[in-house]
Protein backbone atom coordinates (compact mmCIF):
# COMPACT_ATOMS: atom_id res chain seq x y z
CA MET A 1 -24.68 9.10 -13.14
CA GLY A 2 -21.83 9.06 -15.70
CA GLU A 3 -19.14 6.78 -16.95
CA ARG A 4 -16.57 6.47 -14.53
CA VAL A 5 -12.84 5.84 -15.07
CA VAL A 6 -9.96 5.28 -13.08
CA ARG A 7 -6.56 6.22 -14.50
CA LEU A 8 -3.16 7.76 -14.40
CA ALA A 9 -3.70 11.70 -14.35
CA ASP A 10 -2.04 14.87 -14.59
CA LEU A 11 -1.54 17.29 -11.60
CA ASP A 12 -3.85 19.72 -12.74
CA GLU A 13 -6.35 17.18 -13.02
CA VAL A 14 -6.35 16.11 -9.46
CA ARG A 15 -4.65 18.87 -7.29
CA PRO A 16 -8.08 21.07 -7.34
CA LEU A 17 -9.95 18.34 -5.40
CA GLN A 18 -6.98 17.20 -3.29
CA LEU A 19 -6.64 20.92 -2.15
CA ALA A 20 -10.68 21.39 -1.56
CA VAL A 21 -10.80 17.97 0.90
CA LEU A 22 -7.39 18.20 2.48
CA ARG A 23 -7.17 22.17 2.37
CA PRO A 24 -10.69 23.41 2.26
CA ASP A 25 -9.43 26.62 4.69
CA GLY A 26 -6.04 27.61 2.09
CA PRO A 27 -2.77 25.96 2.71
CA ILE A 28 -0.66 25.35 5.58
CA PRO A 29 2.92 25.99 6.72
CA GLY A 30 5.03 23.86 4.98
CA ASP A 31 2.58 23.20 2.38
CA ALA A 32 4.59 22.32 -1.06
CA PRO A 33 3.40 20.97 -4.44
CA PRO A 34 4.23 17.50 -5.42
CA PRO A 35 7.48 16.77 -6.73
CA PRO A 36 8.08 16.63 -10.50
CA GLU A 37 8.67 12.95 -10.30
CA ALA A 38 5.47 12.53 -8.67
CA VAL A 39 2.62 10.50 -10.65
CA HIS A 40 -1.26 11.26 -9.74
CA VAL A 41 -4.07 9.09 -9.97
CA GLY A 42 -7.55 9.89 -10.51
CA ALA A 43 -10.94 8.60 -10.75
CA PHE A 44 -13.02 10.57 -12.71
CA GLU A 45 -16.63 10.91 -13.59
CA ASP A 46 -17.48 12.37 -16.92
CA ASP A 47 -14.23 13.59 -16.84
CA VAL A 48 -14.36 15.61 -13.44
CA ALA A 49 -12.36 14.45 -10.54
CA ILE A 50 -13.99 12.35 -7.81
CA GLY A 51 -10.75 10.93 -6.23
CA ALA A 52 -7.18 10.86 -6.66
CA ALA A 53 -3.90 10.28 -4.94
CA THR A 54 -0.52 10.79 -5.58
CA VAL A 55 2.69 8.51 -4.95
CA VAL A 56 6.02 9.98 -5.11
CA PRO A 57 9.67 8.23 -4.27
CA ALA A 58 10.48 9.32 -0.44
CA PRO A 59 12.42 7.51 2.51
CA TRP A 60 10.45 6.20 5.01
CA PRO A 61 10.99 8.63 7.77
CA GLY A 62 8.82 5.95 10.38
CA PRO A 63 9.93 3.59 12.89
CA GLY A 64 11.55 0.37 11.84
CA ALA A 65 12.72 -0.59 8.41
CA LEU A 66 11.09 -0.98 5.14
CA PRO A 67 12.49 -2.70 1.88
CA LEU A 68 13.61 -0.20 -0.63
CA PRO A 69 12.71 1.73 -2.65
CA THR A 70 10.21 3.02 -0.68
CA TRP A 71 7.45 5.47 -2.02
CA GLN A 72 4.84 7.82 -0.26
CA LEU A 73 1.61 7.98 -0.77
CA ARG A 74 0.11 11.22 -0.70
CA SER A 75 -3.14 13.54 -0.68
CA MET A 76 -5.10 10.50 -0.97
CA VAL A 77 -9.00 11.94 -1.26
CA VAL A 78 -12.48 11.22 -1.97
CA ARG A 79 -15.42 13.35 -2.58
CA ALA A 80 -17.46 13.57 0.46
CA ASP A 81 -20.64 12.71 -0.74
CA LEU A 82 -18.69 9.10 -2.65
CA ARG A 83 -16.98 8.05 0.46
CA ARG A 84 -17.58 4.26 0.96
CA THR A 85 -18.84 3.35 -2.37
CA GLY A 86 -15.41 2.10 -3.59
CA VAL A 87 -13.84 4.83 -5.43
CA GLY A 88 -10.86 5.38 -2.56
CA ALA A 89 -10.30 1.74 -2.98
CA LEU A 90 -9.87 1.71 -6.66
CA VAL A 91 -7.93 5.18 -6.39
CA LEU A 92 -5.77 3.01 -3.98
CA ARG A 93 -4.97 0.02 -5.74
CA LEU A 94 -4.15 1.78 -9.43
CA ALA A 95 -1.53 4.10 -6.66
CA GLU A 96 -0.28 0.78 -4.98
CA ASP A 97 -0.11 -0.70 -8.66
CA THR A 98 1.85 2.44 -10.32
CA ALA A 99 4.22 2.59 -7.52
CA ALA A 100 5.02 -0.64 -8.00
CA GLY A 101 5.58 -1.28 -11.51
CA ARG A 102 7.79 1.60 -10.88
CA GLY A 103 10.13 -0.25 -8.84
CA ALA A 104 8.53 0.67 -5.22
CA ALA A 105 9.13 -2.31 -2.57
CA ALA A 106 6.80 -0.40 0.08
CA LEU A 107 4.94 2.44 0.13
CA TRP A 108 4.05 4.79 2.87
CA ALA A 109 1.50 7.43 4.03
CA ASN A 110 0.82 9.63 6.87
CA ALA A 111 -2.71 8.81 7.64
CA ARG A 112 -5.27 10.79 9.80
CA VAL A 113 -6.38 8.57 12.36
CA GLY A 114 -10.24 8.72 10.77
CA ALA A 115 -9.30 6.98 7.71
CA LEU A 116 -7.17 4.08 9.48
CA GLY A 117 -9.76 1.76 8.54
CA PHE A 118 -9.89 2.45 5.13
CA TYR A 119 -6.14 1.50 4.95
CA VAL A 120 -6.28 -1.54 7.32
CA ARG A 121 -9.30 -2.68 4.84
CA ALA A 122 -6.98 -2.41 1.70
CA GLY A 123 -4.08 -4.44 3.46
CA TRP A 124 -1.80 -1.60 4.87
CA THR A 125 -0.32 -1.98 8.30
CA VAL A 126 -0.76 0.87 10.71
CA VAL A 127 2.72 1.70 12.53
CA GLY A 128 4.47 3.64 15.71
CA GLU A 129 2.48 5.89 18.00
CA GLU A 130 -0.11 8.61 16.79
CA TRP A 131 1.27 12.13 16.22
CA ASP A 132 -0.15 15.26 15.96
CA LYS A 133 -0.03 16.90 12.07
CA PRO A 134 0.44 20.95 13.38
CA PHE A 135 -3.17 22.46 11.77
CA VAL A 136 -4.41 19.48 10.42
CA GLY A 137 -4.62 16.59 13.50
CA PRO A 138 -3.74 13.29 14.60
CA HIS A 139 -2.59 11.06 12.18
CA ARG A 140 -0.34 7.52 12.60
CA TRP A 141 1.94 6.19 9.36
CA VAL A 142 0.55 3.42 7.44
CA THR A 143 2.75 1.17 5.36
CA LEU A 144 2.35 -1.77 2.39
CA THR A 145 5.14 -4.09 1.38
CA VAL A 146 4.81 -4.83 -2.23
CA ASP A 147 4.73 -8.03 -3.96
CA PRO A 148 4.97 -6.84 -7.81
CA ASP A 149 4.23 -10.64 -8.44
CA ALA A 150 1.39 -10.64 -6.95
CA ARG A 151 -0.46 -7.41 -8.15
CA ARG A 152 -3.23 -7.61 -10.19
CA PRO A 153 -3.80 -5.56 -12.81
CA PRO A 154 -5.94 -2.49 -11.98
CA ARG A 155 -10.02 -2.10 -13.08
CA PRO A 156 -10.16 0.68 -15.19
CA THR A 157 -13.65 1.39 -14.79
CA LEU A 158 -15.86 2.10 -11.96
CA PRO A 159 -19.20 0.26 -11.47
């Protein structure tokens, strides 16, 4: 195992992994690249992406209200053979801290039902009823209210 680092990244560093994990059969109707204001986070081993997430300012589409401004967490992935090793938790943490540092008061995501436990363990709240994302499967919304004063600095290096 080589050196592992979690850091901010360029889209071209993380997008191939995001697409390989989330869209192994290619794009689905309605897919679009992240907008220019999106911020990308990656976990890298020897400069190869092993985990990634994207955060971007976006209005909350779900039920109820969230503190403003809201940011969306998108395309949260970890390479299949490295799931449940802590890589995802560190990527998520840096994504949360990055959004908070840029002014987010709350984050939200469309989470696959199979990933809900991951988000709940990280302090997120499951919101609303289950819904089906066409071509992808069952989802729920998850949210996190950000307390910028309580955020700890991210750990820059993976074990």
